[in-house]
């Protein structure tokens, strides 16, 4: 999601939740994204995941971006749309994991622990390296 302010365009990024990401910032943020369920349409999956990770139902005119291939081998499909939203109202779904490791204690963590708006230049530093192409393509579209 992006918005246009007097100072220029801004893109919405989320910070992953959980203990691994707590102290990470640059190179840790992401677009709202997730797994496609078996037989699910990628566009509908992207909308579902956006809502699960932010609490906001995405609406508007969606434009596809070129898929990116991550180092893990996974391919990420994404769409861009214009909107505005109070990032402080983030309501993310959760996941369970054993924490601390080998403790036998399972804890719940939010998929995203915060969201924020960034100018594209800053977003390229904040976003995980494999997703940087999405911001670069958005910059080209916005010109």
N, C-alpha and C. Protein backbone atom coordinates (compact mmCIF):
# COMPACT_ATOMS: atom_id res chain seq x y z
N UNK A 1 0.87 -1.16 0.00
CA UNK A 1 0.00 0.00 0.00
C UNK A 1 0.91 1.22 0.00
N UNK A 2 0.48 2.23 -0.73
CA UNK A 2 1.21 3.49 -0.73
C UNK A 2 0.21 4.62 -0.54
N UNK A 3 0.76 5.76 -0.15
CA UNK A 3 -0.04 6.98 -0.05
C UNK A 3 0.82 8.13 -0.55
N UNK A 4 0.15 9.20 -0.93
CA UNK A 4 0.87 10.38 -1.41
C UNK A 4 0.60 11.52 -0.45
N UNK A 5 1.66 12.09 0.08
CA UNK A 5 1.59 13.23 0.99
C UNK A 5 2.24 14.43 0.28
N UNK A 6 2.16 15.59 0.90
CA UNK A 6 2.79 16.78 0.32
C UNK A 6 4.28 16.55 0.08
N UNK A 7 4.91 15.80 0.97
CA UNK A 7 6.34 15.54 0.88
C UNK A 7 6.69 14.46 -0.15
N UNK A 8 5.67 13.79 -0.70
CA UNK A 8 5.90 12.74 -1.68
C UNK A 8 5.23 11.43 -1.29
N UNK A 9 5.54 10.40 -2.06
CA UNK A 9 4.94 9.08 -1.82
C UNK A 9 5.58 8.39 -0.62
N UNK A 10 4.77 7.58 0.05
CA UNK A 10 5.24 6.74 1.15
C UNK A 10 4.68 5.34 0.96
N UNK A 11 5.44 4.33 1.37
CA UNK A 11 4.97 2.95 1.29
C UNK A 11 4.83 2.38 2.69
N UNK A 12 3.88 1.48 2.86
CA UNK A 12 3.63 0.85 4.15
C UNK A 12 4.46 -0.42 4.24
N UNK A 13 5.19 -0.54 5.33
CA UNK A 13 5.93 -1.77 5.63
C UNK A 13 5.56 -2.23 7.03
N UNK A 14 5.71 -3.53 7.25
CA UNK A 14 5.49 -4.09 8.58
C UNK A 14 6.79 -4.69 9.10
N UNK A 15 6.91 -4.70 10.42
CA UNK A 15 8.08 -5.29 11.07
C UNK A 15 7.66 -6.65 11.60
N UNK A 16 8.39 -7.71 11.26
CA UNK A 16 8.01 -9.05 11.72
C UNK A 16 8.04 -9.18 13.24
N UNK A 17 7.07 -9.88 13.77
CA UNK A 17 7.02 -10.12 15.20
C UNK A 17 7.83 -11.34 15.59
N UNK A 18 7.93 -11.56 16.85
CA UNK A 18 8.66 -12.71 17.37
C UNK A 18 10.04 -12.33 17.86
N UNK A 19 10.61 -13.18 18.69
CA UNK A 19 11.87 -12.86 19.34
C UNK A 19 13.07 -12.70 18.40
N UNK A 20 13.07 -13.39 17.28
CA UNK A 20 14.21 -13.29 16.36
C UNK A 20 14.36 -11.87 15.81
N UNK A 21 13.25 -11.18 15.57
CA UNK A 21 13.27 -9.88 14.91
C UNK A 21 13.28 -8.69 15.87
N UNK A 22 13.16 -8.92 17.16
CA UNK A 22 12.97 -7.85 18.13
C UNK A 22 13.96 -6.69 17.99
N UNK A 23 15.22 -6.99 17.86
CA UNK A 23 16.24 -5.93 17.83
C UNK A 23 16.74 -5.62 16.43
N UNK A 24 16.08 -6.16 15.42
CA UNK A 24 16.50 -5.91 14.04
C UNK A 24 15.65 -4.80 13.43
N UNK A 25 16.28 -3.94 12.62
CA UNK A 25 15.55 -2.84 11.99
C UNK A 25 15.88 -2.78 10.50
N UNK A 26 17.01 -2.18 10.14
CA UNK A 26 17.36 -2.10 8.72
C UNK A 26 17.48 -3.51 8.14
N UNK A 27 16.81 -3.71 7.00
CA UNK A 27 16.83 -5.00 6.35
C UNK A 27 15.91 -6.03 6.97
N UNK A 28 15.04 -5.61 7.90
CA UNK A 28 14.15 -6.55 8.58
C UNK A 28 12.69 -6.39 8.18
N UNK A 29 12.30 -5.21 7.74
CA UNK A 29 10.89 -4.92 7.44
C UNK A 29 10.45 -5.65 6.18
N UNK A 30 9.13 -5.69 5.96
CA UNK A 30 8.56 -6.46 4.85
C UNK A 30 7.27 -5.80 4.37
N UNK A 31 6.87 -6.17 3.17
CA UNK A 31 5.50 -5.89 2.77
C UNK A 31 4.63 -6.90 3.50
N UNK A 32 3.35 -6.60 3.75
CA UNK A 32 2.48 -7.64 4.32
C UNK A 32 2.34 -8.78 3.30
N UNK A 33 2.71 -9.97 3.71
CA UNK A 33 2.69 -11.11 2.78
C UNK A 33 2.61 -12.40 3.57
N UNK A 34 2.39 -13.50 2.87
CA UNK A 34 2.33 -14.79 3.55
C UNK A 34 2.19 -15.91 2.55
N UNK A 35 1.80 -17.05 3.06
CA UNK A 35 1.70 -18.27 2.26
C UNK A 35 0.38 -18.34 1.50
N UNK A 36 0.47 -18.87 0.29
CA UNK A 36 -0.72 -19.15 -0.52
C UNK A 36 -1.20 -20.54 -0.14
N UNK A 37 -2.48 -20.66 0.17
CA UNK A 37 -3.04 -21.97 0.50
C UNK A 37 -3.25 -22.77 -0.77
N UNK A 38 -3.24 -24.07 -0.66
CA UNK A 38 -3.41 -24.96 -1.82
C UNK A 38 -4.65 -24.57 -2.63
N UNK A 39 -4.45 -24.33 -3.93
CA UNK A 39 -5.54 -23.99 -4.83
C UNK A 39 -6.01 -22.55 -4.75
N UNK A 40 -5.39 -21.75 -3.88
CA UNK A 40 -5.83 -20.36 -3.69
C UNK A 40 -5.26 -19.47 -4.79
N UNK A 41 -6.06 -18.53 -5.24
CA UNK A 41 -5.63 -17.54 -6.21
C UNK A 41 -4.58 -16.63 -5.55
N UNK A 42 -3.42 -16.39 -6.20
CA UNK A 42 -2.38 -15.56 -5.57
C UNK A 42 -2.85 -14.15 -5.19
N UNK A 43 -3.67 -13.52 -6.03
CA UNK A 43 -4.16 -12.17 -5.72
C UNK A 43 -5.06 -12.20 -4.48
N UNK A 44 -5.96 -13.16 -4.41
CA UNK A 44 -6.84 -13.27 -3.24
C UNK A 44 -6.04 -13.61 -1.99
N UNK A 45 -4.99 -14.44 -2.15
CA UNK A 45 -4.12 -14.76 -1.02
C UNK A 45 -3.40 -13.51 -0.52
N UNK A 46 -2.95 -12.66 -1.45
CA UNK A 46 -2.26 -11.43 -1.06
C UNK A 46 -3.19 -10.52 -0.27
N UNK A 47 -4.43 -10.40 -0.71
CA UNK A 47 -5.40 -9.57 0.01
C UNK A 47 -5.69 -10.15 1.39
N UNK A 48 -5.85 -11.47 1.47
CA UNK A 48 -6.12 -12.14 2.75
C UNK A 48 -4.95 -11.94 3.71
N UNK A 49 -3.75 -12.16 3.22
CA UNK A 49 -2.57 -12.01 4.07
C UNK A 49 -2.39 -10.57 4.54
N UNK A 50 -2.67 -9.61 3.65
CA UNK A 50 -2.57 -8.20 4.04
C UNK A 50 -3.49 -7.93 5.22
N UNK A 51 -4.72 -8.41 5.13
CA UNK A 51 -5.67 -8.19 6.21
C UNK A 51 -5.26 -8.93 7.48
N UNK A 52 -4.78 -10.17 7.35
CA UNK A 52 -4.36 -10.92 8.53
C UNK A 52 -3.20 -10.25 9.25
N UNK A 53 -2.30 -9.64 8.50
CA UNK A 53 -1.11 -9.06 9.10
C UNK A 53 -1.28 -7.61 9.55
N UNK A 54 -2.32 -6.93 9.07
CA UNK A 54 -2.51 -5.53 9.45
C UNK A 54 -3.83 -5.25 10.16
N UNK A 55 -4.84 -6.06 9.89
CA UNK A 55 -6.17 -5.78 10.41
C UNK A 55 -6.99 -4.90 9.47
N UNK A 56 -6.41 -4.50 8.34
CA UNK A 56 -7.08 -3.64 7.37
C UNK A 56 -7.43 -4.44 6.12
N UNK A 57 -8.67 -4.34 5.69
CA UNK A 57 -9.10 -4.99 4.45
C UNK A 57 -8.68 -4.11 3.27
N UNK A 58 -7.76 -4.60 2.43
CA UNK A 58 -7.27 -3.76 1.33
C UNK A 58 -8.32 -3.56 0.25
N UNK A 59 -8.45 -2.33 -0.20
CA UNK A 59 -9.42 -1.99 -1.25
C UNK A 59 -8.80 -0.98 -2.19
N UNK A 60 -9.29 -0.95 -3.40
CA UNK A 60 -8.80 0.04 -4.36
C UNK A 60 -8.44 -0.60 -5.68
N UNK A 61 -7.73 0.17 -6.49
CA UNK A 61 -7.25 -0.31 -7.78
C UNK A 61 -5.87 -0.93 -7.56
N UNK A 62 -5.76 -2.22 -7.81
CA UNK A 62 -4.52 -2.96 -7.58
C UNK A 62 -3.75 -3.10 -8.89
N UNK A 63 -2.44 -2.85 -8.82
CA UNK A 63 -1.57 -3.05 -9.98
C UNK A 63 -0.53 -4.10 -9.62
N UNK A 64 -0.35 -5.10 -10.47
CA UNK A 64 0.63 -6.14 -10.15
C UNK A 64 2.05 -5.61 -10.27
N UNK A 65 2.91 -6.14 -9.42
CA UNK A 65 4.34 -5.89 -9.50
C UNK A 65 5.02 -7.17 -10.01
N UNK A 66 6.22 -7.04 -10.51
CA UNK A 66 6.96 -8.22 -10.97
C UNK A 66 7.29 -9.09 -9.77
N UNK A 67 7.05 -10.40 -9.87
CA UNK A 67 7.39 -11.29 -8.75
C UNK A 67 8.89 -11.24 -8.46
N UNK A 68 9.25 -11.45 -7.20
CA UNK A 68 10.65 -11.55 -6.83
C UNK A 68 10.92 -12.94 -6.29
N UNK A 69 12.12 -13.42 -6.54
CA UNK A 69 12.54 -14.72 -6.04
C UNK A 69 13.50 -14.48 -4.88
N UNK A 70 13.16 -15.04 -3.73
CA UNK A 70 13.96 -14.88 -2.53
C UNK A 70 15.11 -15.88 -2.52
N UNK A 71 16.11 -15.64 -1.68
CA UNK A 71 17.24 -16.56 -1.55
C UNK A 71 16.79 -17.95 -1.14
N UNK A 72 15.67 -18.01 -0.43
CA UNK A 72 15.12 -19.31 0.01
C UNK A 72 14.57 -20.12 -1.15
N UNK A 73 14.42 -19.47 -2.32
CA UNK A 73 13.85 -20.14 -3.48
C UNK A 73 12.37 -19.84 -3.65
N UNK A 74 11.75 -19.25 -2.63
CA UNK A 74 10.33 -18.89 -2.73
C UNK A 74 10.16 -17.70 -3.65
N UNK A 75 9.02 -17.68 -4.35
CA UNK A 75 8.67 -16.54 -5.19
C UNK A 75 7.56 -15.77 -4.48
N UNK A 76 7.70 -14.44 -4.47
CA UNK A 76 6.70 -13.58 -3.83
C UNK A 76 6.01 -12.76 -4.92
N UNK A 77 4.70 -12.90 -4.99
CA UNK A 77 3.87 -12.09 -5.89
C UNK A 77 3.31 -10.94 -5.07
N UNK A 78 3.26 -9.74 -5.66
CA UNK A 78 2.75 -8.59 -4.93
C UNK A 78 1.98 -7.66 -5.86
N UNK A 79 1.09 -6.90 -5.25
CA UNK A 79 0.30 -5.88 -5.94
C UNK A 79 0.43 -4.59 -5.17
N UNK A 80 0.32 -3.48 -5.85
CA UNK A 80 0.39 -2.18 -5.20
C UNK A 80 -0.96 -1.50 -5.33
N UNK A 81 -1.36 -0.78 -4.29
CA UNK A 81 -2.62 -0.03 -4.32
C UNK A 81 -2.46 1.19 -3.44
N UNK A 82 -3.23 2.22 -3.75
CA UNK A 82 -3.17 3.45 -2.96
C UNK A 82 -4.18 3.38 -1.82
N UNK A 83 -3.77 3.86 -0.68
CA UNK A 83 -4.65 3.90 0.48
C UNK A 83 -4.00 4.69 1.59
N UNK A 84 -4.73 4.93 2.63
CA UNK A 84 -4.16 5.60 3.79
C UNK A 84 -4.70 4.89 5.02
N UNK A 85 -3.89 4.85 6.06
CA UNK A 85 -4.25 4.07 7.23
C UNK A 85 -3.34 4.49 8.37
N UNK A 86 -3.86 4.45 9.56
CA UNK A 86 -3.09 4.75 10.76
C UNK A 86 -2.29 3.50 11.13
N UNK A 87 -1.00 3.52 10.87
CA UNK A 87 -0.15 2.35 11.13
C UNK A 87 -0.15 1.96 12.60
N UNK A 88 -0.49 2.89 13.48
CA UNK A 88 -0.57 2.59 14.90
C UNK A 88 -1.75 1.71 15.27
N UNK A 89 -2.68 1.51 14.34
CA UNK A 89 -3.85 0.68 14.61
C UNK A 89 -3.64 -0.77 14.17
N UNK A 90 -2.41 -1.17 13.95
CA UNK A 90 -2.07 -2.53 13.51
C UNK A 90 -2.71 -3.57 14.41
N UNK A 91 -3.38 -4.54 13.80
CA UNK A 91 -3.95 -5.69 14.50
C UNK A 91 -3.56 -6.93 13.72
N UNK A 92 -2.46 -7.53 14.10
CA UNK A 92 -1.89 -8.66 13.37
C UNK A 92 -2.34 -9.99 13.94
N UNK A 93 -2.41 -10.99 13.06
CA UNK A 93 -2.64 -12.36 13.52
C UNK A 93 -1.39 -12.82 14.27
N UNK A 94 -1.46 -13.96 14.92
CA UNK A 94 -0.35 -14.45 15.73
C UNK A 94 0.11 -15.83 15.25
N UNK A 95 1.27 -16.22 15.74
CA UNK A 95 1.78 -17.56 15.50
C UNK A 95 2.36 -18.07 16.82
N UNK A 96 2.42 -19.39 16.94
CA UNK A 96 2.94 -20.01 18.16
C UNK A 96 4.30 -20.63 17.87
N UNK A 97 5.20 -20.49 18.83
CA UNK A 97 6.50 -21.16 18.72
C UNK A 97 7.05 -21.44 20.11
N UNK A 98 7.92 -22.42 20.18
CA UNK A 98 8.57 -22.72 21.45
C UNK A 98 9.58 -21.61 21.74
N UNK A 99 9.41 -20.97 22.90
CA UNK A 99 10.33 -19.90 23.28
C UNK A 99 10.42 -19.83 24.78
N UNK A 100 11.60 -19.76 25.34
CA UNK A 100 12.91 -19.90 24.71
C UNK A 100 13.11 -21.29 24.10
N UNK A 101 14.08 -21.38 23.18
CA UNK A 101 14.33 -22.66 22.52
C UNK A 101 14.59 -23.78 23.54
N UNK A 102 14.07 -24.95 23.25
CA UNK A 102 14.22 -26.17 24.05
C UNK A 102 13.69 -26.02 25.48
N UNK A 103 12.80 -25.04 25.69
CA UNK A 103 12.23 -24.82 27.02
C UNK A 103 10.96 -25.63 27.24
N UNK A 104 10.35 -26.08 26.13
CA UNK A 104 9.07 -26.76 26.23
C UNK A 104 7.91 -25.80 26.39
N UNK A 105 8.19 -24.50 26.47
CA UNK A 105 7.15 -23.49 26.64
C UNK A 105 6.78 -22.90 25.28
N UNK A 106 5.51 -22.98 24.92
CA UNK A 106 5.03 -22.43 23.66
C UNK A 106 4.40 -21.06 23.93
N UNK A 107 4.82 -20.07 23.15
CA UNK A 107 4.30 -18.71 23.31
C UNK A 107 3.70 -18.23 22.00
N UNK A 108 2.79 -17.28 22.10
CA UNK A 108 2.17 -16.64 20.93
C UNK A 108 2.87 -15.32 20.66
N UNK A 109 3.11 -15.05 19.37
CA UNK A 109 3.73 -13.79 18.95
C UNK A 109 2.95 -13.24 17.77
N UNK A 110 2.90 -11.92 17.62
CA UNK A 110 2.22 -11.35 16.46
C UNK A 110 3.04 -11.58 15.18
N UNK A 111 2.35 -11.81 14.08
CA UNK A 111 3.04 -11.93 12.78
C UNK A 111 3.81 -10.64 12.49
N UNK A 112 3.20 -9.51 12.83
CA UNK A 112 3.85 -8.20 12.68
C UNK A 112 3.69 -7.45 14.00
N UNK A 113 4.79 -6.88 14.50
CA UNK A 113 4.69 -6.18 15.78
C UNK A 113 4.53 -4.67 15.62
N UNK A 114 4.76 -4.16 14.42
CA UNK A 114 4.50 -2.75 14.15
C UNK A 114 4.46 -2.52 12.65
N UNK A 115 3.90 -1.39 12.27
CA UNK A 115 3.82 -0.97 10.87
C UNK A 115 4.19 0.49 10.81
N UNK A 116 4.68 0.93 9.65
CA UNK A 116 5.01 2.33 9.51
C UNK A 116 5.09 2.69 8.03
N UNK A 117 5.00 3.99 7.78
CA UNK A 117 5.10 4.55 6.44
C UNK A 117 6.51 5.07 6.22
N UNK A 118 7.07 4.79 5.03
CA UNK A 118 8.42 5.22 4.71
C UNK A 118 8.47 5.78 3.29
N UNK A 119 9.27 6.83 3.12
CA UNK A 119 9.59 7.30 1.77
C UNK A 119 10.34 6.16 1.08
N UNK A 120 10.20 6.01 -0.24
CA UNK A 120 10.84 4.89 -0.93
C UNK A 120 12.35 4.74 -0.66
N UNK A 121 13.08 5.85 -0.57
CA UNK A 121 14.52 5.75 -0.29
C UNK A 121 14.81 5.11 1.05
N UNK A 122 14.02 5.45 2.05
CA UNK A 122 14.18 4.86 3.38
C UNK A 122 13.67 3.42 3.36
N UNK A 123 12.56 3.19 2.68
CA UNK A 123 11.97 1.84 2.61
C UNK A 123 12.96 0.84 2.02
N UNK A 124 13.75 1.27 1.04
CA UNK A 124 14.73 0.35 0.43
C UNK A 124 15.80 -0.07 1.44
N UNK A 125 16.06 0.73 2.45
CA UNK A 125 17.01 0.36 3.50
C UNK A 125 16.35 -0.51 4.56
N UNK A 126 15.07 -0.25 4.83
CA UNK A 126 14.35 -0.97 5.88
C UNK A 126 13.91 -2.37 5.45
N UNK A 127 13.52 -2.51 4.17
CA UNK A 127 12.91 -3.76 3.71
C UNK A 127 13.95 -4.87 3.56
N UNK A 128 13.50 -6.10 3.74
CA UNK A 128 14.37 -7.25 3.54
C UNK A 128 14.91 -7.22 2.10
N UNK A 129 16.18 -7.55 1.98
CA UNK A 129 16.89 -7.42 0.70
C UNK A 129 16.14 -8.04 -0.48
N UNK A 130 15.59 -9.21 -0.31
CA UNK A 130 14.92 -9.91 -1.40
C UNK A 130 13.67 -9.21 -1.90
N UNK A 131 13.10 -8.31 -1.11
CA UNK A 131 11.88 -7.59 -1.50
C UNK A 131 12.17 -6.18 -2.02
N UNK A 132 13.42 -5.78 -2.02
CA UNK A 132 13.79 -4.42 -2.43
C UNK A 132 13.30 -4.09 -3.84
N UNK A 133 13.24 -5.09 -4.71
CA UNK A 133 12.76 -4.88 -6.07
C UNK A 133 11.35 -4.32 -6.13
N UNK A 134 10.52 -4.66 -5.17
CA UNK A 134 9.15 -4.12 -5.14
C UNK A 134 9.18 -2.60 -4.97
N UNK A 135 10.04 -2.12 -4.09
CA UNK A 135 10.14 -0.67 -3.85
C UNK A 135 10.72 0.02 -5.09
N UNK A 136 11.73 -0.59 -5.68
CA UNK A 136 12.34 -0.01 -6.88
C UNK A 136 11.34 0.07 -8.03
N UNK A 137 10.55 -0.98 -8.21
CA UNK A 137 9.53 -0.95 -9.27
C UNK A 137 8.46 0.10 -8.96
N UNK A 138 8.06 0.21 -7.69
CA UNK A 138 7.09 1.23 -7.32
C UNK A 138 7.63 2.62 -7.65
N UNK A 139 8.90 2.86 -7.37
CA UNK A 139 9.50 4.17 -7.68
C UNK A 139 9.39 4.47 -9.17
N UNK A 140 9.61 3.46 -10.01
CA UNK A 140 9.50 3.66 -11.45
C UNK A 140 8.06 3.98 -11.86
N UNK A 141 7.11 3.30 -11.23
CA UNK A 141 5.69 3.51 -11.53
C UNK A 141 5.25 4.92 -11.12
N UNK A 142 5.81 5.40 -10.02
CA UNK A 142 5.39 6.67 -9.43
C UNK A 142 5.93 7.88 -10.19
N UNK A 143 6.85 7.66 -11.09
CA UNK A 143 7.44 8.79 -11.83
C UNK A 143 6.53 9.29 -12.92
